[in-house]
Amino acid sequence: MKGVYIFSVTAVAVLMFIYQWSKIKSTKKKEKMVFSFLMIIGWSLAVTYIVFPNMDSPAKMVDHVLTSLRNIFLGIFS
């Protein structure tokens, strides 16, 4: 069943990519690179959440990293 979900997400991502790629002017190379990068990140996150449904959300991951950094800096400067 996960294969069907992964295929569906991939199909939607490809359709979005094809539709939006034609809207970006050919002279805007940086926009195309950023768009491609963000599409790949979004697709990989979606597939990761399908494969590992109990994974923490990105907000919790960022919170954990920032809390760890805060504790490190407080330990250094106190």
PDB file of N, CA and C in Angstrom:
ATOM      1  N   MET A   1       0.818  -1.198   0.000  1.00  0.00           N
ATOM      2  CA  MET A   1       0.000   0.000   0.000  1.00  0.00           C
ATOM      3  C   MET A   1       0.863   1.265   0.000  1.00  0.00           C
ATOM      4  N   LYS A   2       2.020   1.171   0.667  1.00  0.00           N
ATOM      5  CA  LYS A   2       2.900   2.338   0.680  1.00  0.00           C
ATOM      6  C   LYS A   2       3.389   2.669  -0.721  1.00  0.00           C
ATOM      7  N   GLY A   3       3.553   1.634  -1.544  1.00  0.00           N
ATOM      8  CA  GLY A   3       3.987   1.856  -2.918  1.00  0.00           C
ATOM      9  C   GLY A   3       2.992   2.693  -3.704  1.00  0.00           C
ATOM     10  N   VAL A   4       1.710   2.471  -3.461  1.00  0.00           N
ATOM     11  CA  VAL A   4       0.666   3.255  -4.136  1.00  0.00           C
ATOM     12  C   VAL A   4       0.740   4.710  -3.697  1.00  0.00           C
ATOM     13  N   TYR A   5       0.941   4.934  -2.398  1.00  0.00           N
ATOM     14  CA  TYR A   5       1.049   6.302  -1.893  1.00  0.00           C
ATOM     15  C   TYR A   5       2.283   7.004  -2.461  1.00  0.00           C
ATOM     16  N   ILE A   6       3.394   6.286  -2.494  1.00  0.00           N
ATOM     17  CA  ILE A   6       4.620   6.878  -3.039  1.00  0.00           C
ATOM     18  C   ILE A   6       4.439   7.193  -4.520  1.00  0.00           C
ATOM     19  N   PHE A   7       3.817   6.289  -5.264  1.00  0.00           N
ATOM     20  CA  PHE A   7       3.553   6.537  -6.681  1.00  0.00           C
ATOM     21  C   PHE A   7       2.641   7.752  -6.858  1.00  0.00           C
ATOM     22  N   SER A   8       1.614   7.870  -6.018  1.00  0.00           N
ATOM     23  CA  SER A   8       0.680   9.000  -6.116  1.00  0.00           C
ATOM     24  C   SER A   8       1.382  10.321  -5.837  1.00  0.00           C
ATOM     25  N   VAL A   9       2.187  10.353  -4.792  1.00  0.00           N
ATOM     26  CA  VAL A   9       2.919  11.579  -4.458  1.00  0.00           C
ATOM     27  C   VAL A   9       3.890  11.933  -5.579  1.00  0.00           C
ATOM     28  N   THR A  10       4.550  10.931  -6.125  1.00  0.00           N
ATOM     29  CA  THR A  10       5.486  11.172  -7.224  1.00  0.00           C
ATOM     30  C   THR A  10       4.755  11.691  -8.456  1.00  0.00           C
ATOM     31  N   ALA A  11       3.607  11.122  -8.772  1.00  0.00           N
ATOM     32  CA  ALA A  11       2.832  11.575  -9.933  1.00  0.00           C
ATOM     33  C   ALA A  11       2.378  13.019  -9.760  1.00  0.00           C
ATOM     34  N   VAL A  12       1.892  13.363  -8.580  1.00  0.00           N
ATOM     35  CA  VAL A  12       1.460  14.743  -8.324  1.00  0.00           C
ATOM     36  C   VAL A  12       2.649  15.693  -8.406  1.00  0.00           C
ATOM     37  N   ALA A  13       3.787  15.297  -7.842  1.00  0.00           N
ATOM     38  CA  ALA A  13       4.977  16.148  -7.887  1.00  0.00           C
ATOM     39  C   ALA A  13       5.445  16.362  -9.325  1.00  0.00           C
ATOM     40  N   VAL A  14       5.414  15.318 -10.125  1.00  0.00           N
ATOM     41  CA  VAL A  14       5.829  15.443 -11.531  1.00  0.00           C
ATOM     42  C   VAL A  14       4.867  16.355 -12.290  1.00  0.00           C
ATOM     43  N   LEU A  15       3.579  16.194 -12.073  1.00  0.00           N
ATOM     44  CA  LEU A  15       2.604  17.069 -12.742  1.00  0.00           C
ATOM     45  C   LEU A  15       2.779  18.525 -12.318  1.00  0.00           C
ATOM     46  N   MET A  16       2.996  18.752 -11.023  1.00  0.00           N
ATOM     47  CA  MET A  16       3.245  20.116 -10.546  1.00  0.00           C
ATOM     48  C   MET A  16       4.504  20.685 -11.190  1.00  0.00           C
ATOM     49  N   PHE A  17       5.549  19.864 -11.260  1.00  0.00           N
ATOM     50  CA  PHE A  17       6.815  20.306 -11.836  1.00  0.00           C
ATOM     51  C   PHE A  17       6.640  20.686 -13.303  1.00  0.00           C
ATOM     52  N   ILE A  18       5.972  19.840 -14.060  1.00  0.00           N
ATOM     53  CA  ILE A  18       5.768  20.112 -15.486  1.00  0.00           C
ATOM     54  C   ILE A  18       4.942  21.383 -15.683  1.00  0.00           C
ATOM     55  N   TYR A  19       3.885  21.544 -14.892  1.00  0.00           N
ATOM     56  CA  TYR A  19       3.018  22.717 -15.036  1.00  0.00           C
ATOM     57  C   TYR A  19       3.763  24.002 -14.682  1.00  0.00           C
ATOM     58  N   GLN A  20       4.477  23.994 -13.568  1.00  0.00           N
ATOM     59  CA  GLN A  20       5.148  25.211 -13.125  1.00  0.00           C
ATOM     60  C   GLN A  20       6.411  25.509 -13.928  1.00  0.00           C
ATOM     61  N   TRP A  21       7.090  24.478 -14.408  1.00  0.00           N
ATOM     62  CA  TRP A  21       8.331  24.686 -15.155  1.00  0.00           C
ATOM     63  C   TRP A  21       8.078  25.501 -16.412  1.00  0.00           C
ATOM     64  N   SER A  22       6.950  25.250 -17.061  1.00  0.00           N
ATOM     65  CA  SER A  22       6.641  25.998 -18.281  1.00  0.00           C
ATOM     66  C   SER A  22       6.285  27.450 -17.980  1.00  0.00           C
ATOM     67  N   LYS A  23       5.886  27.742 -16.753  1.00  0.00           N
ATOM     68  CA  LYS A  23       5.527  29.112 -16.378  1.00  0.00           C
ATOM     69  C   LYS A  23       6.755  29.975 -16.075  1.00  0.00           C
ATOM     70  N   ILE A  24       7.886  29.334 -15.729  1.00  0.00           N
ATOM     71  CA  ILE A  24       9.100  30.079 -15.410  1.00  0.00           C
ATOM     72  C   ILE A  24       9.804  30.430 -16.718  1.00  0.00           C
ATOM     73  N   LYS A  25      10.171  31.693 -16.856  1.00  0.00           N
ATOM     74  CA  LYS A  25      10.834  32.127 -18.083  1.00  0.00           C
ATOM     75  C   LYS A  25      12.190  31.445 -18.211  1.00  0.00           C
ATOM     76  N   SER A  26      12.584  31.202 -19.448  1.00  0.00           N
ATOM     77  CA  SER A  26      13.828  30.458 -19.692  1.00  0.00           C
ATOM     78  C   SER A  26      15.065  31.246 -19.281  1.00  0.00           C
ATOM     79  N   THR A  27      14.945  32.560 -19.127  1.00  0.00           N
ATOM     80  CA  THR A  27      16.104  33.367 -18.742  1.00  0.00           C
ATOM     81  C   THR A  27      16.357  33.333 -17.235  1.00  0.00           C
ATOM     82  N   LYS A  28      15.434  32.833 -16.471  1.00  0.00           N
ATOM     83  CA  LYS A  28      15.557  32.835 -15.010  1.00  0.00           C
ATOM     84  C   LYS A  28      16.135  31.500 -14.533  1.00  0.00           C
ATOM     85  N   LYS A  29      17.445  31.365 -14.660  1.00  0.00           N
ATOM     86  CA  LYS A  29      18.123  30.112 -14.303  1.00  0.00           C
ATOM     87  C   LYS A  29      18.088  29.873 -12.796  1.00  0.00           C
ATOM     88  N   LYS A  30      18.297  30.935 -12.002  1.00  0.00           N
ATOM     89  CA  LYS A  30      18.320  30.771 -10.546  1.00  0.00           C
ATOM     90  C   LYS A  30      16.953  30.341 -10.025  1.00  0.00           C
ATOM     91  N   GLU A  31      15.902  30.910 -10.576  1.00  0.00           N
ATOM     92  CA  GLU A  31      14.557  30.526 -10.146  1.00  0.00           C
ATOM     93  C   GLU A  31      14.282  29.062 -10.465  1.00  0.00           C
ATOM     94  N   LYS A  32      14.742  28.612 -11.615  1.00  0.00           N
ATOM     95  CA  LYS A  32      14.550  27.206 -11.974  1.00  0.00           C
ATOM     96  C   LYS A  32      15.332  26.288 -11.043  1.00  0.00           C
ATOM     97  N   MET A  33      16.547  26.695 -10.665  1.00  0.00           N
ATOM     98  CA  MET A  33      17.341  25.881  -9.745  1.00  0.00           C
ATOM     99  C   MET A  33      16.681  25.806  -8.372  1.00  0.00           C
ATOM    100  N   VAL A  34      16.224  26.943  -7.869  1.00  0.00           N
ATOM    101  CA  VAL A  34      15.573  26.967  -6.557  1.00  0.00           C
ATOM    102  C   VAL A  34      14.274  26.181  -6.595  1.00  0.00           C
ATOM    103  N   PHE A  35      13.509  26.339  -7.651  1.00  0.00           N
ATOM    104  CA  PHE A  35      12.262  25.590  -7.787  1.00  0.00           C
ATOM    105  C   PHE A  35      12.527  24.091  -7.794  1.00  0.00           C
ATOM    106  N   SER A  36      13.538  23.666  -8.545  1.00  0.00           N
ATOM    107  CA  SER A  36      13.882  22.240  -8.591  1.00  0.00           C
ATOM    108  C   SER A  36      14.310  21.740  -7.221  1.00  0.00           C
ATOM    109  N   PHE A  37      15.134  22.512  -6.539  1.00  0.00           N
ATOM    110  CA  PHE A  37      15.615  22.138  -5.211  1.00  0.00           C
ATOM    111  C   PHE A  37      14.457  22.003  -4.229  1.00  0.00           C
ATOM    112  N   LEU A  38      13.545  22.966  -4.219  1.00  0.00           N
ATOM    113  CA  LEU A  38      12.405  22.910  -3.302  1.00  0.00           C
ATOM    114  C   LEU A  38      11.461  21.759  -3.641  1.00  0.00           C
ATOM    115  N   MET A  39      11.287  21.469  -4.922  1.00  0.00           N
ATOM    116  CA  MET A  39      10.450  20.328  -5.306  1.00  0.00           C
ATOM    117  C   MET A  39      11.060  19.014  -4.829  1.00  0.00           C
ATOM    118  N   ILE A  40      12.372  18.890  -4.960  1.00  0.00           N
ATOM    119  CA  ILE A  40      13.041  17.663  -4.512  1.00  0.00           C
ATOM    120  C   ILE A  40      12.935  17.518  -3.000  1.00  0.00           C
ATOM    121  N   ILE A  41      13.126  18.609  -2.272  1.00  0.00           N
ATOM    122  CA  ILE A  41      13.002  18.551  -0.808  1.00  0.00           C
ATOM    123  C   ILE A  41      11.576  18.185  -0.410  1.00  0.00           C
ATOM    124  N   GLY A  42      10.595  18.815  -1.024  1.00  0.00           N
ATOM    125  CA  GLY A  42       9.200  18.515  -0.703  1.00  0.00           C
ATOM    126  C   GLY A  42       8.828  17.082  -1.018  1.00  0.00           C
ATOM    127  N   TRP A  43       9.265  16.599  -2.168  1.00  0.00           N
ATOM    128  CA  TRP A  43       8.972  15.212  -2.538  1.00  0.00           C
ATOM    129  C   TRP A  43       9.644  14.235  -1.582  1.00  0.00           C
ATOM    130  N   SER A  44      10.902  14.496  -1.249  1.00  0.00           N
ATOM    131  CA  SER A  44      11.611  13.570  -0.358  1.00  0.00           C
ATOM    132  C   SER A  44      11.004  13.570   1.038  1.00  0.00           C
ATOM    133  N   LEU A  45      10.559  14.725   1.527  1.00  0.00           N
ATOM    134  CA  LEU A  45       9.875  14.761   2.827  1.00  0.00           C
ATOM    135  C   LEU A  45       8.565  13.986   2.779  1.00  0.00           C
ATOM    136  N   ALA A  46       7.819  14.141   1.702  1.00  0.00           N
ATOM    137  CA  ALA A  46       6.548  13.422   1.581  1.00  0.00           C
ATOM    138  C   ALA A  46       6.771  11.914   1.560  1.00  0.00           C
ATOM    139  N   VAL A  47       7.759  11.470   0.806  1.00  0.00           N
ATOM    140  CA  VAL A  47       8.049  10.034   0.740  1.00  0.00           C
ATOM    141  C   VAL A  47       8.566   9.534   2.086  1.00  0.00           C
ATOM    142  N   THR A  48       9.378  10.334   2.753  1.00  0.00           N
ATOM    143  CA  THR A  48       9.893   9.941   4.069  1.00  0.00           C
ATOM    144  C   THR A  48       8.758   9.774   5.061  1.00  0.00           C
ATOM    145  N   TYR A  49       7.784  10.675   5.031  1.00  0.00           N
ATOM    146  CA  TYR A  49       6.642  10.553   5.944  1.00  0.00           C
ATOM    147  C   TYR A  49       5.756   9.358   5.597  1.00  0.00           C
ATOM    148  N   ILE A  50       5.737   8.950   4.347  1.00  0.00           N
ATOM    149  CA  ILE A  50       4.981   7.750   3.980  1.00  0.00           C
ATOM    150  C   ILE A  50       5.688   6.504   4.506  1.00  0.00           C
ATOM    151  N   VAL A  51       7.004   6.466   4.348  1.00  0.00           N
ATOM    152  CA  VAL A  51       7.765   5.288   4.767  1.00  0.00           C
ATOM    153  C   VAL A  51       7.870   5.202   6.289  1.00  0.00           C
ATOM    154  N   PHE A  52       8.079   6.355   6.942  1.00  0.00           N
ATOM    155  CA  PHE A  52       8.212   6.406   8.404  1.00  0.00           C
ATOM    156  C   PHE A  52       7.111   7.299   8.979  1.00  0.00           C
ATOM    157  N   PRO A  53       5.900   6.795   9.151  1.00  0.00           N
ATOM    158  CA  PRO A  53       4.782   7.649   9.582  1.00  0.00           C
ATOM    159  C   PRO A  53       4.896   8.149  11.025  1.00  0.00           C
ATOM    160  N   ASN A  54       5.698   7.511  11.859  1.00  0.00           N
ATOM    161  CA  ASN A  54       5.818   7.943  13.253  1.00  0.00           C
ATOM    162  C   ASN A  54       6.957   8.929  13.476  1.00  0.00           C
ATOM    163  N   MET A  55       7.546   9.422  12.408  1.00  0.00           N
ATOM    164  CA  MET A  55       8.655  10.362  12.507  1.00  0.00           C
ATOM    165  C   MET A  55       8.163  11.708  13.048  1.00  0.00           C
ATOM    166  N   ASP A  56       9.029  12.388  13.809  1.00  0.00           N
ATOM    167  CA  ASP A  56       8.679  13.712  14.320  1.00  0.00           C
ATOM    168  C   ASP A  56       8.506  14.696  13.170  1.00  0.00           C
ATOM    169  N   SER A  57       7.743  15.739  13.439  1.00  0.00           N
ATOM    170  CA  SER A  57       7.535  16.765  12.422  1.00  0.00           C
ATOM    171  C   SER A  57       8.806  17.607  12.281  1.00  0.00           C
ATOM    172  N   PRO A  58       8.963  18.300  11.158  1.00  0.00           N
ATOM    173  CA  PRO A  58      10.139  19.157  10.984  1.00  0.00           C
ATOM    174  C   PRO A  58      10.228  20.244  12.055  1.00  0.00           C
ATOM    175  N   ALA A  59       9.089  20.742  12.524  1.00  0.00           N
ATOM    176  CA  ALA A  59       9.113  21.768  13.567  1.00  0.00           C
ATOM    177  C   ALA A  59       9.714  21.218  14.858  1.00  0.00           C
ATOM    178  N   LYS A  60       9.389  19.989  15.200  1.00  0.00           N
ATOM    179  CA  LYS A  60       9.962  19.381  16.405  1.00  0.00           C
ATOM    180  C   LYS A  60      11.456  19.139  16.234  1.00  0.00           C
ATOM    181  N   MET A  61      11.869  18.770  15.026  1.00  0.00           N
ATOM    182  CA  MET A  61      13.296  18.561  14.777  1.00  0.00           C
ATOM    183  C   MET A  61      14.068  19.866  14.926  1.00  0.00           C
ATOM    184  N   VAL A  62      13.541  20.940  14.353  1.00  0.00           N
ATOM    185  CA  VAL A  62      14.191  22.244  14.463  1.00  0.00           C
ATOM    186  C   VAL A  62      14.213  22.690  15.917  1.00  0.00           C
ATOM    187  N   ASP A  63      13.125  22.479  16.635  1.00  0.00           N
ATOM    188  CA  ASP A  63      13.068  22.836  18.049  1.00  0.00           C
ATOM    189  C   ASP A  63      14.128  22.077  18.840  1.00  0.00           C
ATOM    190  N   HIS A  64      14.301  20.811  18.554  1.00  0.00           N
ATOM    191  CA  HIS A  64      15.315  20.004  19.244  1.00  0.00           C
ATOM    192  C   HIS A  64      16.719  20.537  18.961  1.00  0.00           C
ATOM    193  N   VAL A  65      17.003  20.858  17.709  1.00  0.00           N
ATOM    194  CA  VAL A  65      18.326  21.373  17.342  1.00  0.00           C
ATOM    195  C   VAL A  65      18.579  22.711  18.015  1.00  0.00           C
ATOM    196  N   LEU A  66      17.592  23.609  17.977  1.00  0.00           N
ATOM    197  CA  LEU A  66      17.781  24.926  18.579  1.00  0.00           C
ATOM    198  C   LEU A  66      17.900  24.847  20.093  1.00  0.00           C
ATOM    199  N   THR A  67      17.149  23.962  20.724  1.00  0.00           N
ATOM    200  CA  THR A  67      17.263  23.776  22.170  1.00  0.00           C
ATOM    201  C   THR A  67      18.648  23.250  22.525  1.00  0.00           C
ATOM    202  N   SER A  68      19.158  22.327  21.744  1.00  0.00           N
ATOM    203  CA  SER A  68      20.505  21.799  21.983  1.00  0.00           C
ATOM    204  C   SER A  68      21.556  22.894  21.819  1.00  0.00           C
ATOM    205  N   LEU A  69      21.422  23.702  20.781  1.00  0.00           N
ATOM    206  CA  LEU A  69      22.366  24.804  20.573  1.00  0.00           C
ATOM    207  C   LEU A  69      22.293  25.821  21.705  1.00  0.00           C
ATOM    208  N   ARG A  70      21.087  26.121  22.166  1.00  0.00           N
ATOM    209  CA  ARG A  70      20.929  27.055  23.277  1.00  0.00           C
ATOM    210  C   ARG A  70      21.633  26.531  24.517  1.00  0.00           C
ATOM    211  N   ASN A  71      21.463  25.253  24.804  1.00  0.00           N
ATOM    212  CA  ASN A  71      22.109  24.668  25.975  1.00  0.00           C
ATOM    213  C   ASN A  71      23.629  24.683  25.842  1.00  0.00           C
ATOM    214  N   ILE A  72      24.127  24.454  24.643  1.00  0.00           N
ATOM    215  CA  ILE A  72      25.577  24.500  24.424  1.00  0.00           C
ATOM    216  C   ILE A  72      26.099  25.907  24.656  1.00  0.00           C
ATOM    217  N   PHE A  73      25.428  26.907  24.079  1.00  0.00           N
ATOM    218  CA  PHE A  73      25.888  28.286  24.237  1.00  0.00           C
ATOM    219  C   PHE A  73      25.750  28.772  25.672  1.00  0.00           C
ATOM    220  N   LEU A  74      24.691  28.379  26.349  1.00  0.00           N
ATOM    221  CA  LEU A  74      24.539  28.769  27.751  1.00  0.00           C
ATOM    222  C   LEU A  74      25.617  28.117  28.606  1.00  0.00           C
ATOM    223  N   GLY A  75      26.010  26.914  28.266  1.00  0.00           N
ATOM    224  CA  GLY A  75      27.079  26.245  28.993  1.00  0.00           C
ATOM    225  C   GLY A  75      28.431  26.907  28.763  1.00  0.00           C
ATOM    226  N   ILE A  76      28.651  27.418  27.566  1.00  0.00           N
ATOM    227  CA  ILE A  76      29.931  28.061  27.246  1.00  0.00           C
ATOM    228  C   ILE A  76      30.031  29.427  27.913  1.00  0.00           C
ATOM    229  N   PHE A  77      28.966  30.211  27.861  1.00  0.00           N
ATOM    230  CA  PHE A  77      29.023  31.596  28.318  1.00  0.00           C
ATOM    231  C   PHE A  77      28.604  31.798  29.766  1.00  0.00           C
ATOM    232  N   SER A  78      28.292  30.749  30.494  1.00  0.00           N
ATOM    233  CA  SER A  78      27.903  30.967  31.892  1.00  0.00           C
ATOM    234  C   SER A  78      28.962  30.467  32.844  1.00  0.00           C
TER     235      SER A  78
END
